[in-house]
Amino acid sequence: LVHFGGSTYMTKGDAPNYWHIVPRWLMRPRYDPGSLVGRNIGILGFNLIFLTDQKDELNRQLSELLAIEPRPPLVGKVFKFEEAPDALRYLKSGESVGKVVLKRTTKG
């Protein structure tokens, strides 16, 4: 689940319109982060509404973000595809560091 801002709760003008905001806030989806972990679901939320009047700052931050060179993931151990059960046991053992990779064998 990724939630980008809260424009649903925005009202026209500078003053909040609580008759508009409160019903939408009460009807918003609710999630218990603890219950999502077992289903491998994550929650990420951020709000960029404060940058709407700051075009130069938004462009600067976007340029910085695009300039980041992501590092490749750390590969801890590689298993042949046929060794998938062993890879899963290794992953579940808690001894793994980095990514556990299944490598597909190519047939010539």
PDB file of N, CA and C in Angstrom:
ATOM      1  N   LEU A   1       0.855  -1.172   0.000  1.00  0.00           N
ATOM      2  CA  LEU A   1       0.000   0.000   0.000  1.00  0.00           C
ATOM      3  C   LEU A   1       0.891   1.222   0.000  1.00  0.00           C
ATOM      4  N   VAL A   2       0.711   2.076  -0.960  1.00  0.00           N
ATOM      5  CA  VAL A   2       1.421   3.352  -0.996  1.00  0.00           C
ATOM      6  C   VAL A   2       0.368   4.440  -1.064  1.00  0.00           C
ATOM      7  N   HIS A   3       0.454   5.382  -0.149  1.00  0.00           N
ATOM      8  CA  HIS A   3      -0.528   6.465  -0.080  1.00  0.00           C
ATOM      9  C   HIS A   3       0.206   7.761  -0.372  1.00  0.00           C
ATOM     10  N   PHE A   4      -0.183   8.435  -1.433  1.00  0.00           N
ATOM     11  CA  PHE A   4       0.447   9.693  -1.800  1.00  0.00           C
ATOM     12  C   PHE A   4      -0.407  10.848  -1.314  1.00  0.00           C
ATOM     13  N   GLY A   5      -0.052  11.398  -0.179  1.00  0.00           N
ATOM     14  CA  GLY A   5      -0.723  12.590   0.321  1.00  0.00           C
ATOM     15  C   GLY A   5      -2.147  12.343   0.788  1.00  0.00           C
ATOM     16  N   GLY A   6      -2.853  13.409   1.002  1.00  0.00           N
ATOM     17  CA  GLY A   6      -4.211  13.320   1.500  1.00  0.00           C
ATOM     18  C   GLY A   6      -5.128  14.306   0.816  1.00  0.00           C
ATOM     19  N   SER A   7      -5.076  14.373  -0.508  1.00  0.00           N
ATOM     20  CA  SER A   7      -5.865  15.371  -1.221  1.00  0.00           C
ATOM     21  C   SER A   7      -7.367  15.160  -1.039  1.00  0.00           C
ATOM     22  N   THR A   8      -7.782  13.976  -0.630  1.00  0.00           N
ATOM     23  CA  THR A   8      -9.199  13.730  -0.364  1.00  0.00           C
ATOM     24  C   THR A   8      -9.716  14.653   0.723  1.00  0.00           C
ATOM     25  N   TYR A   9      -8.836  15.038   1.615  1.00  0.00           N
ATOM     26  CA  TYR A   9      -9.238  15.850   2.758  1.00  0.00           C
ATOM     27  C   TYR A   9      -9.064  17.355   2.503  1.00  0.00           C
ATOM     28  N   MET A  10      -8.597  17.715   1.315  1.00  0.00           N
ATOM     29  CA  MET A  10      -8.354  19.121   1.001  1.00  0.00           C
ATOM     30  C   MET A  10      -9.678  19.854   0.764  1.00  0.00           C
ATOM     31  N   THR A  11      -9.680  21.110   1.128  1.00  0.00           N
ATOM     32  CA  THR A  11     -10.837  21.963   0.866  1.00  0.00           C
ATOM     33  C   THR A  11     -10.364  23.188   0.114  1.00  0.00           C
ATOM     34  N   LYS A  12     -11.288  23.862  -0.542  1.00  0.00           N
ATOM     35  CA  LYS A  12     -10.934  25.082  -1.265  1.00  0.00           C
ATOM     36  C   LYS A  12     -10.680  26.208  -0.261  1.00  0.00           C
ATOM     37  N   GLY A  13      -9.734  27.052  -0.597  1.00  0.00           N
ATOM     38  CA  GLY A  13      -9.431  28.180   0.278  1.00  0.00           C
ATOM     39  C   GLY A  13      -8.412  27.820   1.337  1.00  0.00           C
ATOM     40  N   ASP A  14      -8.156  28.780   2.202  1.00  0.00           N
ATOM     41  CA  ASP A  14      -7.142  28.598   3.239  1.00  0.00           C
ATOM     42  C   ASP A  14      -7.693  27.987   4.523  1.00  0.00           C
ATOM     43  N   ALA A  15      -8.971  28.171   4.783  1.00  0.00           N
ATOM     44  CA  ALA A  15      -9.559  27.669   6.029  1.00  0.00           C
ATOM     45  C   ALA A  15     -10.091  26.254   5.826  1.00  0.00           C
ATOM     46  N   PRO A  16      -9.863  25.367   6.788  1.00  0.00           N
ATOM     47  CA  PRO A  16     -10.392  24.001   6.663  1.00  0.00           C
ATOM     48  C   PRO A  16     -11.920  23.980   6.770  1.00  0.00           C
ATOM     49  N   ASN A  17     -12.542  23.144   5.969  1.00  0.00           N
ATOM     50  CA  ASN A  17     -13.982  22.942   6.020  1.00  0.00           C
ATOM     51  C   ASN A  17     -14.221  21.598   6.710  1.00  0.00           C
ATOM     52  N   TYR A  18     -14.460  21.625   8.005  1.00  0.00           N
ATOM     53  CA  TYR A  18     -14.581  20.392   8.778  1.00  0.00           C
ATOM     54  C   TYR A  18     -15.770  19.546   8.349  1.00  0.00           C
ATOM     55  N   TRP A  19     -16.823  20.136   7.813  1.00  0.00           N
ATOM     56  CA  TRP A  19     -17.968  19.363   7.325  1.00  0.00           C
ATOM     57  C   TRP A  19     -17.564  18.526   6.114  1.00  0.00           C
ATOM     58  N   HIS A  20     -16.546  18.954   5.417  1.00  0.00           N
ATOM     59  CA  HIS A  20     -16.014  18.226   4.269  1.00  0.00           C
ATOM     60  C   HIS A  20     -14.968  17.191   4.717  1.00  0.00           C
ATOM     61  N   ILE A  21     -14.125  17.582   5.650  1.00  0.00           N
ATOM     62  CA  ILE A  21     -12.992  16.748   6.052  1.00  0.00           C
ATOM     63  C   ILE A  21     -13.407  15.571   6.927  1.00  0.00           C
ATOM     64  N   VAL A  22     -14.200  15.814   7.971  1.00  0.00           N
ATOM     65  CA  VAL A  22     -14.485  14.793   8.988  1.00  0.00           C
ATOM     66  C   VAL A  22     -15.121  13.527   8.406  1.00  0.00           C
ATOM     67  N   PRO A  23     -16.161  13.614   7.571  1.00  0.00           N
ATOM     68  CA  PRO A  23     -16.734  12.370   7.038  1.00  0.00           C
ATOM     69  C   PRO A  23     -15.728  11.558   6.226  1.00  0.00           C
ATOM     70  N   ARG A  24     -14.893  12.221   5.445  1.00  0.00           N
ATOM     71  CA  ARG A  24     -13.889  11.509   4.652  1.00  0.00           C
ATOM     72  C   ARG A  24     -12.834  10.874   5.557  1.00  0.00           C
ATOM     73  N   TRP A  25     -12.477  11.581   6.602  1.00  0.00           N
ATOM     74  CA  TRP A  25     -11.482  11.042   7.538  1.00  0.00           C
ATOM     75  C   TRP A  25     -12.045   9.809   8.254  1.00  0.00           C
ATOM     76  N   LEU A  26     -13.324   9.860   8.636  1.00  0.00           N
ATOM     77  CA  LEU A  26     -13.936   8.728   9.331  1.00  0.00           C
ATOM     78  C   LEU A  26     -14.113   7.516   8.421  1.00  0.00           C
ATOM     79  N   MET A  27     -14.256   7.744   7.115  1.00  0.00           N
ATOM     80  CA  MET A  27     -14.470   6.650   6.179  1.00  0.00           C
ATOM     81  C   MET A  27     -13.165   6.131   5.552  1.00  0.00           C
ATOM     82  N   ARG A  28     -12.036   6.667   5.968  1.00  0.00           N
ATOM     83  CA  ARG A  28     -10.767   6.243   5.378  1.00  0.00           C
ATOM     84  C   ARG A  28     -10.483   4.779   5.724  1.00  0.00           C
ATOM     85  N   PRO A  29      -9.743   4.089   4.879  1.00  0.00           N
ATOM     86  CA  PRO A  29      -9.373   2.700   5.203  1.00  0.00           C
ATOM     87  C   PRO A  29      -8.493   2.659   6.446  1.00  0.00           C
ATOM     88  N   ARG A  30      -8.630   1.622   7.222  1.00  0.00           N
ATOM     89  CA  ARG A  30      -7.813   1.450   8.421  1.00  0.00           C
ATOM     90  C   ARG A  30      -7.019   0.154   8.297  1.00  0.00           C
ATOM     91  N   TYR A  31      -5.758   0.241   8.657  1.00  0.00           N
ATOM     92  CA  TYR A  31      -4.872  -0.918   8.568  1.00  0.00           C
ATOM     93  C   TYR A  31      -4.122  -1.062   9.876  1.00  0.00           C
ATOM     94  N   ASP A  32      -3.978  -2.284  10.310  1.00  0.00           N
ATOM     95  CA  ASP A  32      -3.164  -2.586  11.480  1.00  0.00           C
ATOM     96  C   ASP A  32      -1.812  -3.073  10.961  1.00  0.00           C
ATOM     97  N   PRO A  33      -0.749  -2.264  11.099  1.00  0.00           N
ATOM     98  CA  PRO A  33       0.547  -2.667  10.554  1.00  0.00           C
ATOM     99  C   PRO A  33       1.014  -4.034  11.047  1.00  0.00           C
ATOM    100  N   GLY A  34       0.699  -4.362  12.293  1.00  0.00           N
ATOM    101  CA  GLY A  34       1.119  -5.662  12.820  1.00  0.00           C
ATOM    102  C   GLY A  34       0.495  -6.828  12.079  1.00  0.00           C
ATOM    103  N   SER A  35      -0.742  -6.666  11.631  1.00  0.00           N
ATOM    104  CA  SER A  35      -1.404  -7.759  10.928  1.00  0.00           C
ATOM    105  C   SER A  35      -0.923  -7.899   9.487  1.00  0.00           C
ATOM    106  N   LEU A  36      -0.261  -6.874   8.959  1.00  0.00           N
ATOM    107  CA  LEU A  36       0.192  -6.913   7.579  1.00  0.00           C
ATOM    108  C   LEU A  36       1.525  -7.638   7.416  1.00  0.00           C
ATOM    109  N   VAL A  37       2.321  -7.695   8.468  1.00  0.00           N
ATOM    110  CA  VAL A  37       3.657  -8.278   8.391  1.00  0.00           C
ATOM    111  C   VAL A  37       3.598  -9.738   7.950  1.00  0.00           C
ATOM    112  N   GLY A  38       2.702 -10.509   8.526  1.00  0.00           N
ATOM    113  CA  GLY A  38       2.595 -11.920   8.184  1.00  0.00           C
ATOM    114  C   GLY A  38       2.161 -12.162   6.751  1.00  0.00           C
ATOM    115  N   ARG A  39       1.584 -11.143   6.133  1.00  0.00           N
ATOM    116  CA  ARG A  39       1.150 -11.258   4.735  1.00  0.00           C
ATOM    117  C   ARG A  39       2.131 -10.577   3.781  1.00  0.00           C
ATOM    118  N   ASN A  40       3.304 -10.172   4.310  1.00  0.00           N
ATOM    119  CA  ASN A  40       4.331  -9.495   3.519  1.00  0.00           C
ATOM    120  C   ASN A  40       3.805  -8.252   2.817  1.00  0.00           C
ATOM    121  N   ILE A  41       3.023  -7.470   3.537  1.00  0.00           N
ATOM    122  CA  ILE A  41       2.491  -6.224   3.015  1.00  0.00           C
ATOM    123  C   ILE A  41       3.103  -5.080   3.809  1.00  0.00           C
ATOM    124  N   GLY A  42       3.573  -4.064   3.111  1.00  0.00           N
ATOM    125  CA  GLY A  42       4.171  -2.917   3.770  1.00  0.00           C
ATOM    126  C   GLY A  42       3.335  -1.671   3.547  1.00  0.00           C
ATOM    127  N   ILE A  43       3.543  -0.692   4.393  1.00  0.00           N
ATOM    128  CA  ILE A  43       2.855   0.589   4.286  1.00  0.00           C
ATOM    129  C   ILE A  43       3.903   1.679   4.128  1.00  0.00           C
ATOM    130  N   LEU A  44       3.673   2.544   3.167  1.00  0.00           N
ATOM    131  CA  LEU A  44       4.556   3.678   2.937  1.00  0.00           C
ATOM    132  C   LEU A  44       3.673   4.882   2.696  1.00  0.00           C
ATOM    133  N   GLY A  45       3.952   5.968   3.355  1.00  0.00           N
ATOM    134  CA  GLY A  45       3.153   7.162   3.135  1.00  0.00           C
ATOM    135  C   GLY A  45       4.007   8.409   3.190  1.00  0.00           C
ATOM    136  N   PHE A  46       3.731   9.331   2.322  1.00  0.00           N
ATOM    137  CA  PHE A  46       4.410  10.618   2.379  1.00  0.00           C
ATOM    138  C   PHE A  46       3.511  11.669   1.754  1.00  0.00           C
ATOM    139  N   ASN A  47       3.774  12.895   2.112  1.00  0.00           N
ATOM    140  CA  ASN A  47       2.923  13.999   1.691  1.00  0.00           C
ATOM    141  C   ASN A  47       3.800  15.098   1.101  1.00  0.00           C
ATOM    142  N   LEU A  48       3.548  15.427  -0.153  1.00  0.00           N
ATOM    143  CA  LEU A  48       4.325  16.473  -0.817  1.00  0.00           C
ATOM    144  C   LEU A  48       3.504  17.736  -1.054  1.00  0.00           C
ATOM    145  N   ILE A  49       2.327  17.821  -0.441  1.00  0.00           N
ATOM    146  CA  ILE A  49       1.432  18.950  -0.690  1.00  0.00           C
ATOM    147  C   ILE A  49       2.087  20.276  -0.308  1.00  0.00           C
ATOM    148  N   PHE A  50       2.991  20.247   0.679  1.00  0.00           N
ATOM    149  CA  PHE A  50       3.628  21.490   1.104  1.00  0.00           C
ATOM    150  C   PHE A  50       4.547  22.050   0.025  1.00  0.00           C
ATOM    151  N   LEU A  51       4.892  21.234  -0.996  1.00  0.00           N
ATOM    152  CA  LEU A  51       5.778  21.703  -2.053  1.00  0.00           C
ATOM    153  C   LEU A  51       5.039  22.287  -3.253  1.00  0.00           C
ATOM    154  N   THR A  52       3.714  22.302  -3.222  1.00  0.00           N
ATOM    155  CA  THR A  52       2.972  22.776  -4.395  1.00  0.00           C
ATOM    156  C   THR A  52       3.265  24.225  -4.742  1.00  0.00           C
ATOM    157  N   ASP A  53       3.583  25.025  -3.759  1.00  0.00           N
ATOM    158  CA  ASP A  53       3.900  26.435  -4.008  1.00  0.00           C
ATOM    159  C   ASP A  53       5.406  26.680  -4.091  1.00  0.00           C
ATOM    160  N   GLN A  54       6.180  25.606  -4.058  1.00  0.00           N
ATOM    161  CA  GLN A  54       7.634  25.734  -4.048  1.00  0.00           C
ATOM    162  C   GLN A  54       8.235  24.941  -5.201  1.00  0.00           C
ATOM    163  N   LYS A  55       7.952  25.380  -6.413  1.00  0.00           N
ATOM    164  CA  LYS A  55       8.367  24.662  -7.620  1.00  0.00           C
ATOM    165  C   LYS A  55       9.881  24.461  -7.667  1.00  0.00           C
ATOM    166  N   ASP A  56      10.660  25.485  -7.325  1.00  0.00           N
ATOM    167  CA  ASP A  56      12.118  25.362  -7.371  1.00  0.00           C
ATOM    168  C   ASP A  56      12.615  24.299  -6.400  1.00  0.00           C
ATOM    169  N   GLU A  57      12.049  24.286  -5.189  1.00  0.00           N
ATOM    170  CA  GLU A  57      12.452  23.285  -4.194  1.00  0.00           C
ATOM    171  C   GLU A  57      12.063  21.880  -4.641  1.00  0.00           C
ATOM    172  N   LEU A  58      10.886  21.735  -5.200  1.00  0.00           N
ATOM    173  CA  LEU A  58      10.435  20.432  -5.693  1.00  0.00           C
ATOM    174  C   LEU A  58      11.357  19.946  -6.812  1.00  0.00           C
ATOM    175  N   ASN A  59      11.710  20.819  -7.740  1.00  0.00           N
ATOM    176  CA  ASN A  59      12.628  20.446  -8.824  1.00  0.00           C
ATOM    177  C   ASN A  59      14.008  20.084  -8.290  1.00  0.00           C
ATOM    178  N   ARG A  60      14.481  20.822  -7.285  1.00  0.00           N
ATOM    179  CA  ARG A  60      15.791  20.515  -6.696  1.00  0.00           C
ATOM    180  C   ARG A  60      15.787  19.133  -6.053  1.00  0.00           C
ATOM    181  N   GLN A  61      14.745  18.858  -5.271  1.00  0.00           N
ATOM    182  CA  GLN A  61      14.675  17.563  -4.601  1.00  0.00           C
ATOM    183  C   GLN A  61      14.503  16.419  -5.599  1.00  0.00           C
ATOM    184  N   LEU A  62      13.722  16.645  -6.637  1.00  0.00           N
ATOM    185  CA  LEU A  62      13.541  15.627  -7.665  1.00  0.00           C
ATOM    186  C   LEU A  62      14.863  15.361  -8.387  1.00  0.00           C
ATOM    187  N   SER A  63      15.618  16.417  -8.693  1.00  0.00           N
ATOM    188  CA  SER A  63      16.922  16.249  -9.345  1.00  0.00           C
ATOM    189  C   SER A  63      17.877  15.455  -8.461  1.00  0.00           C
ATOM    190  N   GLU A  64      17.886  15.762  -7.161  1.00  0.00           N
ATOM    191  CA  GLU A  64      18.734  15.007  -6.233  1.00  0.00           C
ATOM    192  C   GLU A  64      18.332  13.536  -6.189  1.00  0.00           C
ATOM    193  N   LEU A  65      17.051  13.300  -6.177  1.00  0.00           N
ATOM    194  CA  LEU A  65      16.556  11.924  -6.128  1.00  0.00           C
ATOM    195  C   LEU A  65      16.955  11.154  -7.386  1.00  0.00           C
ATOM    196  N   LEU A  66      16.818  11.785  -8.538  1.00  0.00           N
ATOM    197  CA  LEU A  66      17.151  11.128  -9.800  1.00  0.00           C
ATOM    198  C   LEU A  66      18.651  10.923  -9.971  1.00  0.00           C
ATOM    199  N   ALA A  67      19.463  11.702  -9.255  1.00  0.00           N
ATOM    200  CA  ALA A  67      20.922  11.577  -9.354  1.00  0.00           C
ATOM    201  C   ALA A  67      21.479  10.439  -8.505  1.00  0.00           C
ATOM    202  N   ILE A  68      20.681   9.878  -7.641  1.00  0.00           N
ATOM    203  CA  ILE A  68      21.153   8.806  -6.764  1.00  0.00           C
ATOM    204  C   ILE A  68      21.411   7.546  -7.588  1.00  0.00           C
ATOM    205  N   GLU A  69      22.583   7.009  -7.437  1.00  0.00           N
ATOM    206  CA  GLU A  69      22.938   5.745  -8.084  1.00  0.00           C
ATOM    207  C   GLU A  69      22.704   4.612  -7.083  1.00  0.00           C
ATOM    208  N   PRO A  70      21.651   3.842  -7.267  1.00  0.00           N
ATOM    209  CA  PRO A  70      21.395   2.771  -6.301  1.00  0.00           C
ATOM    210  C   PRO A  70      22.473   1.690  -6.372  1.00  0.00           C
ATOM    211  N   ARG A  71      22.845   1.198  -5.203  1.00  0.00           N
ATOM    212  CA  ARG A  71      23.820   0.116  -5.152  1.00  0.00           C
ATOM    213  C   ARG A  71      23.127  -1.190  -5.489  1.00  0.00           C
ATOM    214  N   PRO A  72      23.830  -2.095  -6.137  1.00  0.00           N
ATOM    215  CA  PRO A  72      23.205  -3.393  -6.395  1.00  0.00           C
ATOM    216  C   PRO A  72      22.987  -4.116  -5.072  1.00  0.00           C
ATOM    217  N   PRO A  73      21.981  -4.970  -5.019  1.00  0.00           N
ATOM    218  CA  PRO A  73      21.713  -5.685  -3.767  1.00  0.00           C
ATOM    219  C   PRO A  73      22.863  -6.633  -3.421  1.00  0.00           C
ATOM    220  N   LEU A  74      23.061  -6.827  -2.129  1.00  0.00           N
ATOM    221  CA  LEU A  74      24.078  -7.752  -1.655  1.00  0.00           C
ATOM    222  C   LEU A  74      23.543  -9.179  -1.815  1.00  0.00           C
ATOM    223  N   VAL A  75      24.235  -9.971  -2.595  1.00  0.00           N
ATOM    224  CA  VAL A  75      23.845 -11.366  -2.791  1.00  0.00           C
ATOM    225  C   VAL A  75      24.592 -12.193  -1.759  1.00  0.00           C
ATOM    226  N   GLY A  76      23.842 -12.833  -0.875  1.00  0.00           N
ATOM    227  CA  GLY A  76      24.448 -13.630   0.177  1.00  0.00           C
ATOM    228  C   GLY A  76      24.802 -15.041  -0.259  1.00  0.00           C
ATOM    229  N   LYS A  77      23.876 -15.681  -0.948  1.00  0.00           N
ATOM    230  CA  LYS A  77      24.107 -17.065  -1.357  1.00  0.00           C
ATOM    231  C   LYS A  77      23.252 -17.375  -2.575  1.00  0.00           C
ATOM    232  N   VAL A  78      23.819 -18.152  -3.493  1.00  0.00           N
ATOM    233  CA  VAL A  78      23.123 -18.523  -4.721  1.00  0.00           C
ATOM    234  C   VAL A  78      22.881 -20.029  -4.702  1.00  0.00           C
ATOM    235  N   PHE A  79      21.646 -20.418  -5.008  1.00  0.00           N
ATOM    236  CA  PHE A  79      21.272 -21.828  -5.096  1.00  0.00           C
ATOM    237  C   PHE A  79      20.807 -22.132  -6.513  1.00  0.00           C
ATOM    238  N   LYS A  80      21.026 -23.361  -6.960  1.00  0.00           N
ATOM    239  CA  LYS A  80      20.434 -23.798  -8.220  1.00  0.00           C
ATOM    240  C   LYS A  80      18.928 -23.890  -8.015  1.00  0.00           C
ATOM    241  N   PHE A  81      18.180 -23.722  -9.085  1.00  0.00           N
ATOM    242  CA  PHE A  81      16.725 -23.755  -8.980  1.00  0.00           C
ATOM    243  C   PHE A  81      16.252 -25.075  -8.371  1.00  0.00           C
ATOM    244  N   GLU A  82      16.934 -26.145  -8.713  1.00  0.00           N
ATOM    245  CA  GLU A  82      16.570 -27.467  -8.185  1.00  0.00           C
ATOM    246  C   GLU A  82      16.785 -27.550  -6.676  1.00  0.00           C
ATOM    247  N   GLU A  83      17.563 -26.622  -6.116  1.00  0.00           N
ATOM    248  CA  GLU A  83      17.846 -26.609  -4.677  1.00  0.00           C
ATOM    249  C   GLU A  83      16.936 -25.637  -3.930  1.00  0.00           C
ATOM    250  N   ALA A  84      15.792 -25.311  -4.519  1.00  0.00           N
ATOM    251  CA  ALA A  84      14.873 -24.345  -3.913  1.00  0.00           C
ATOM    252  C   ALA A  84      14.489 -24.712  -2.475  1.00  0.00           C
ATOM    253  N   PRO A  85      14.191 -25.983  -2.178  1.00  0.00           N
ATOM    254  CA  PRO A  85      13.873 -26.307  -0.776  1.00  0.00           C
ATOM    255  C   PRO A  85      15.037 -25.997   0.174  1.00  0.00           C
ATOM    256  N   ASP A  86      16.278 -26.259  -0.275  1.00  0.00           N
ATOM    257  CA  ASP A  86      17.445 -25.934   0.559  1.00  0.00           C
ATOM    258  C   ASP A  86      17.567 -24.414   0.747  1.00  0.00           C
ATOM    259  N   ALA A  87      17.297 -23.672  -0.317  1.00  0.00           N
ATOM    260  CA  ALA A  87      17.365 -22.213  -0.233  1.00  0.00           C
ATOM    261  C   ALA A  87      16.336 -21.682   0.759  1.00  0.00           C
ATOM    262  N   LEU A  88      15.140 -22.239   0.723  1.00  0.00           N
ATOM    263  CA  LEU A  88      14.096 -21.804   1.652  1.00  0.00           C
ATOM    264  C   LEU A  88      14.474 -22.138   3.093  1.00  0.00           C
ATOM    265  N   ARG A  89      15.029 -23.334   3.311  1.00  0.00           N
ATOM    266  CA  ARG A  89      15.467 -23.698   4.671  1.00  0.00           C
ATOM    267  C   ARG A  89      16.567 -22.741   5.146  1.00  0.00           C
ATOM    268  N   TYR A  90      17.495 -22.412   4.241  1.00  0.00           N
ATOM    269  CA  TYR A  90      18.574 -21.479   4.594  1.00  0.00           C
ATOM    270  C   TYR A  90      18.001 -20.107   4.946  1.00  0.00           C
ATOM    271  N   LEU A  91      17.053 -19.649   4.161  1.00  0.00           N
ATOM    272  CA  LEU A  91      16.423 -18.355   4.420  1.00  0.00           C
ATOM    273  C   LEU A  91      15.700 -18.360   5.760  1.00  0.00           C
ATOM    274  N   LYS A  92      14.987 -19.429   6.050  1.00  0.00           N
ATOM    275  CA  LYS A  92      14.224 -19.517   7.297  1.00  0.00           C
ATOM    276  C   LYS A  92      15.116 -19.753   8.513  1.00  0.00           C
ATOM    277  N   SER A  93      16.362 -20.173   8.282  1.00  0.00           N
ATOM    278  CA  SER A  93      17.262 -20.471   9.406  1.00  0.00           C
ATOM    279  C   SER A  93      17.668 -19.219  10.175  1.00  0.00           C
ATOM    280  N   GLY A  94      17.550 -18.069   9.543  1.00  0.00           N
ATOM    281  CA  GLY A  94      17.982 -16.826  10.189  1.00  0.00           C
ATOM    282  C   GLY A  94      19.470 -16.576  10.052  1.00  0.00           C
ATOM    283  N   GLU A  95      20.191 -17.456   9.374  1.00  0.00           N
ATOM    284  CA  GLU A  95      21.632 -17.300   9.203  1.00  0.00           C
ATOM    285  C   GLU A  95      21.987 -16.557   7.919  1.00  0.00           C
ATOM    286  N   SER A  96      21.002 -16.304   7.089  1.00  0.00           N
ATOM    287  CA  SER A  96      21.295 -15.676   5.794  1.00  0.00           C
ATOM    288  C   SER A  96      21.605 -14.187   5.979  1.00  0.00           C
ATOM    289  N   VAL A  97      22.527 -13.728   5.165  1.00  0.00           N
ATOM    290  CA  VAL A  97      22.868 -12.308   5.093  1.00  0.00           C
ATOM    291  C   VAL A  97      22.810 -11.939   3.619  1.00  0.00           C
ATOM    292  N   GLY A  98      22.084 -10.899   3.286  1.00  0.00           N
ATOM    293  CA  GLY A  98      21.939 -10.528   1.887  1.00  0.00           C
ATOM    294  C   GLY A  98      20.821 -11.305   1.227  1.00  0.00           C
ATOM    295  N   LYS A  99      20.788 -11.214  -0.088  1.00  0.00           N
ATOM    296  CA  LYS A  99      19.731 -11.873  -0.857  1.00  0.00           C
ATOM    297  C   LYS A  99      20.052 -13.341  -1.056  1.00  0.00           C
ATOM    298  N   VAL A 100      19.030 -14.167  -0.982  1.00  0.00           N
ATOM    299  CA  VAL A 100      19.150 -15.578  -1.316  1.00  0.00           C
ATOM    300  C   VAL A 100      18.575 -15.716  -2.720  1.00  0.00           C
ATOM    301  N   VAL A 101      19.418 -16.174  -3.644  1.00  0.00           N
ATOM    302  CA  VAL A 101      19.073 -16.182  -5.056  1.00  0.00           C
ATOM    303  C   VAL A 101      18.905 -17.604  -5.563  1.00  0.00           C
ATOM    304  N   LEU A 102      17.843 -17.820  -6.357  1.00  0.00           N
ATOM    305  CA  LEU A 102      17.673 -19.072  -7.075  1.00  0.00           C
ATOM    306  C   LEU A 102      18.131 -18.830  -8.513  1.00  0.00           C
ATOM    307  N   LYS A 103      19.068 -19.630  -8.985  1.00  0.00           N
ATOM    308  CA  LYS A 103      19.588 -19.453 -10.328  1.00  0.00           C
ATOM    309  C   LYS A 103      19.015 -20.535 -11.230  1.00  0.00           C
ATOM    310  N   ARG A 104      18.412 -20.083 -12.301  1.00  0.00           N
ATOM    311  CA  ARG A 104      17.821 -21.006 -13.259  1.00  0.00           C
ATOM    312  C   ARG A 104      18.920 -21.609 -14.104  1.00  0.00           C
ATOM    313  N   THR A 105      18.872 -22.904 -14.297  1.00  0.00           N
ATOM    314  CA  THR A 105      19.863 -23.561 -15.131  1.00  0.00           C
ATOM    315  C   THR A 105      19.383 -23.480 -16.579  1.00  0.00           C
ATOM    316  N   THR A 106      20.262 -23.033 -17.430  1.00  0.00           N
ATOM    317  CA  THR A 106      19.906 -22.951 -18.843  1.00  0.00           C
ATOM    318  C   THR A 106      20.363 -24.211 -19.556  1.00  0.00           C
ATOM    319  N   LYS A 107      19.498 -24.708 -20.385  1.00  0.00           N
ATOM    320  CA  LYS A 107      19.837 -25.900 -21.155  1.00  0.00           C
ATOM    321  C   LYS A 107      20.259 -25.465 -22.537  1.00  0.00           C
ATOM    322  N   GLY A 108      21.423 -25.975 -22.977  1.00  0.00           N
ATOM    323  CA  GLY A 108      22.030 -25.570 -24.220  1.00  0.00           C
ATOM    324  C   GLY A 108      21.268 -25.939 -25.399  1.00  0.00           C
TER     325      GLY A 108
END
